[in-house]
Amino acid sequence: MNDELAKALEQTRVIFEEWEKEYHQNADGFWNSLSKEDQLKCFYSVCKRIHKGDIEDKGSYRYVLYDVFGFGTEAYAIGMNCGYMAIHNSIVGGTKNEVATKVSV
């Protein structure tokens, strides 16, 4: 790999790490600003959608993000960074016979 490419990749990695840290802090700040009642409503709404997309519909990671939650492509990396992709994969891979059947591109 040439030095210029390596330098560009390193800069990209640093920018992404900074973005991830800032997003994490902003999301936690938002969560902490909510009342316990509003936190519980958020928890309920998110879990309900994960249950629908992953358990009921057996959808793909993208299907749940785009079709169930109604997010755009910006949610893909955010879902990976917060651990949702790992949750999704553990649900889908929970039994040998369960596979994601609904797909969104």
C-alpha atoms as a PDB file:
ATOM      1  CA  MET A   1       0.000   0.000   0.000  1.00  0.00           C
ATOM      2  CA  ASN A   2       1.429   3.367  -0.867  1.00  0.00           C
ATOM      3  CA  ASP A   3       2.034   5.959   1.842  1.00  0.00           C
ATOM      4  CA  GLU A   4      -0.567   8.387   0.497  1.00  0.00           C
ATOM      5  CA  LEU A   5      -3.331   5.782   0.624  1.00  0.00           C
ATOM      6  CA  ALA A   6      -2.286   4.634   4.097  1.00  0.00           C
ATOM      7  CA  LYS A   7      -2.361   8.234   5.325  1.00  0.00           C
ATOM      8  CA  ALA A   8      -5.820   8.824   3.830  1.00  0.00           C
ATOM      9  CA  LEU A   9      -7.166   5.631   5.384  1.00  0.00           C
ATOM     10  CA  GLU A  10      -5.768   6.587   8.782  1.00  0.00           C
ATOM     11  CA  GLN A  11      -7.354  10.046   8.541  1.00  0.00           C
ATOM     12  CA  THR A  12     -10.685   8.447   7.642  1.00  0.00           C
ATOM     13  CA  ARG A  13     -10.427   6.078  10.604  1.00  0.00           C
ATOM     14  CA  VAL A  14      -9.710   8.958  12.999  1.00  0.00           C
ATOM     15  CA  ILE A  15     -12.641  11.002  11.634  1.00  0.00           C
ATOM     16  CA  PHE A  16     -14.984   8.035  11.958  1.00  0.00           C
ATOM     17  CA  GLU A  17     -13.855   7.357  15.549  1.00  0.00           C
ATOM     18  CA  GLU A  18     -14.421  11.014  16.441  1.00  0.00           C
ATOM     19  CA  TRP A  19     -17.879  10.943  14.848  1.00  0.00           C
ATOM     20  CA  GLU A  20     -18.741   7.723  16.691  1.00  0.00           C
ATOM     21  CA  LYS A  21     -17.633   9.168  20.049  1.00  0.00           C
ATOM     22  CA  GLU A  22     -19.582  12.389  19.492  1.00  0.00           C
ATOM     23  CA  TYR A  23     -22.710  10.510  18.391  1.00  0.00           C
ATOM     24  CA  HIS A  24     -22.475   8.245  21.445  1.00  0.00           C
ATOM     25  CA  GLN A  25     -22.176  11.261  23.753  1.00  0.00           C
ATOM     26  CA  ASN A  26     -25.086  13.075  22.075  1.00  0.00           C
ATOM     27  CA  ALA A  27     -27.326  10.005  22.201  1.00  0.00           C
ATOM     28  CA  ASP A  28     -26.529   9.374  25.868  1.00  0.00           C
ATOM     29  CA  GLY A  29     -27.043  13.052  26.626  1.00  0.00           C
ATOM     30  CA  PHE A  30     -30.448  12.909  24.973  1.00  0.00           C
ATOM     31  CA  TRP A  31     -31.362   9.740  26.899  1.00  0.00           C
ATOM     32  CA  ASN A  32     -30.255  11.268  30.198  1.00  0.00           C
ATOM     33  CA  SER A  33     -32.309  14.396  29.519  1.00  0.00           C
ATOM     34  CA  LEU A  34     -35.517  12.348  29.326  1.00  0.00           C
ATOM     35  CA  SER A  35     -37.741  11.620  32.279  1.00  0.00           C
ATOM     36  CA  LYS A  36     -37.920   7.983  33.389  1.00  0.00           C
ATOM     37  CA  GLU A  37     -41.420   7.864  31.900  1.00  0.00           C
ATOM     38  CA  ASP A  38     -40.141   9.069  28.508  1.00  0.00           C
ATOM     39  CA  GLN A  39     -37.175   6.665  28.678  1.00  0.00           C
ATOM     40  CA  LEU A  40     -39.641   3.828  29.265  1.00  0.00           C
ATOM     41  CA  LYS A  41     -41.734   4.940  26.270  1.00  0.00           C
ATOM     42  CA  CYS A  42     -38.611   4.987  24.084  1.00  0.00           C
ATOM     43  CA  PHE A  43     -37.589   1.555  25.359  1.00  0.00           C
ATOM     44  CA  TYR A  44     -41.048   0.190  24.620  1.00  0.00           C
ATOM     45  CA  SER A  45     -41.174   1.675  21.117  1.00  0.00           C
ATOM     46  CA  VAL A  46     -37.725   0.394  20.133  1.00  0.00           C
ATOM     47  CA  CYS A  47     -38.263  -3.107  21.553  1.00  0.00           C
ATOM     48  CA  LYS A  48     -41.691  -3.341  19.890  1.00  0.00           C
ATOM     49  CA  ARG A  49     -40.134  -2.581  16.513  1.00  0.00           C
ATOM     50  CA  ILE A  50     -37.228  -4.968  16.995  1.00  0.00           C
ATOM     51  CA  HIS A  51     -39.711  -7.688  17.979  1.00  0.00           C
ATOM     52  CA  LYS A  52     -41.815  -7.020  14.883  1.00  0.00           C
ATOM     53  CA  GLY A  53     -38.912  -6.908  12.461  1.00  0.00           C
ATOM     54  CA  ASP A  54     -36.717  -9.662  13.887  1.00  0.00           C
ATOM     55  CA  ILE A  55     -39.150 -12.075  15.560  1.00  0.00           C
ATOM     56  CA  GLU A  56     -42.475 -11.686  13.746  1.00  0.00           C
ATOM     57  CA  ASP A  57     -41.301 -10.754  10.246  1.00  0.00           C
ATOM     58  CA  LYS A  58     -37.904 -12.495  10.428  1.00  0.00           C
ATOM     59  CA  GLY A  59     -36.531  -9.598   8.408  1.00  0.00           C
ATOM     60  CA  SER A  60     -32.972  -8.780   7.459  1.00  0.00           C
ATOM     61  CA  TYR A  61     -30.956  -6.141   9.302  1.00  0.00           C
ATOM     62  CA  ARG A  62     -31.738  -3.633   6.544  1.00  0.00           C
ATOM     63  CA  TYR A  63     -35.418  -4.603   6.502  1.00  0.00           C
ATOM     64  CA  VAL A  64     -35.776  -3.788  10.196  1.00  0.00           C
ATOM     65  CA  LEU A  65     -33.918  -0.477   9.898  1.00  0.00           C
ATOM     66  CA  TYR A  66     -35.540   0.733   6.699  1.00  0.00           C
ATOM     67  CA  ASP A  67     -38.993  -0.855   6.624  1.00  0.00           C
ATOM     68  CA  VAL A  68     -39.892  -1.308  10.280  1.00  0.00           C
ATOM     69  CA  PHE A  69     -38.211   1.734  11.821  1.00  0.00           C
ATOM     70  CA  GLY A  70     -38.510   3.823   8.642  1.00  0.00           C
ATOM     71  CA  PHE A  71     -34.902   5.041   8.775  1.00  0.00           C
ATOM     72  CA  GLY A  72     -32.687   5.818   5.813  1.00  0.00           C
ATOM     73  CA  THR A  73     -29.247   4.485   5.007  1.00  0.00           C
ATOM     74  CA  GLU A  74     -27.715   6.684   7.730  1.00  0.00           C
ATOM     75  CA  ALA A  75     -29.023   4.150  10.266  1.00  0.00           C
ATOM     76  CA  TYR A  76     -26.847   1.294   8.955  1.00  0.00           C
ATOM     77  CA  ALA A  77     -23.583   2.351  10.630  1.00  0.00           C
ATOM     78  CA  ILE A  78     -25.375   3.694  13.705  1.00  0.00           C
ATOM     79  CA  GLY A  79     -27.052   0.305  14.169  1.00  0.00           C
ATOM     80  CA  MET A  80     -23.689  -1.398  13.922  1.00  0.00           C
ATOM     81  CA  ASN A  81     -22.026   0.991  16.367  1.00  0.00           C
ATOM     82  CA  CYS A  82     -24.700   0.663  19.049  1.00  0.00           C
ATOM     83  CA  GLY A  83     -24.725  -3.142  18.855  1.00  0.00           C
ATOM     84  CA  TYR A  84     -28.066  -3.627  17.095  1.00  0.00           C
ATOM     85  CA  MET A  85     -26.493  -5.654  14.275  1.00  0.00           C
ATOM     86  CA  ALA A  86     -25.089  -8.094  16.863  1.00  0.00           C
ATOM     87  CA  ILE A  87     -28.513  -8.298  18.531  1.00  0.00           C
ATOM     88  CA  HIS A  88     -30.180  -8.885  15.151  1.00  0.00           C
ATOM     89  CA  ASN A  89     -27.669 -11.571  14.165  1.00  0.00           C
ATOM     90  CA  SER A  90     -28.061 -13.360  17.489  1.00  0.00           C
ATOM     91  CA  ILE A  91     -31.851 -13.350  17.107  1.00  0.00           C
ATOM     92  CA  VAL A  92     -31.742 -14.530  13.493  1.00  0.00           C
ATOM     93  CA  GLY A  93     -29.067 -17.116  14.300  1.00  0.00           C
ATOM     94  CA  GLY A  94     -30.917 -18.206  17.454  1.00  0.00           C
ATOM     95  CA  THR A  95     -31.931 -21.533  15.968  1.00  0.00           C
ATOM     96  CA  LYS A  96     -30.601 -23.396  12.978  1.00  0.00           C
ATOM     97  CA  ASN A  97     -33.960 -23.355  11.190  1.00  0.00           C
ATOM     98  CA  GLU A  98     -34.674 -19.628  11.526  1.00  0.00           C
ATOM     99  CA  VAL A  99     -33.467 -17.428   8.683  1.00  0.00           C
ATOM    100  CA  ALA A 100     -34.175 -13.870   7.668  1.00  0.00           C
ATOM    101  CA  THR A 101     -36.926 -14.027   5.044  1.00  0.00           C
ATOM    102  CA  LYS A 102     -37.779 -10.367   4.449  1.00  0.00           C
ATOM    103  CA  VAL A 103     -35.033  -8.335   2.826  1.00  0.00           C
ATOM    104  CA  SER A 104     -34.699  -4.649   2.073  1.00  0.00           C
ATOM    105  CA  VAL A 105     -32.084  -3.226  -0.284  1.00  0.00           C
END
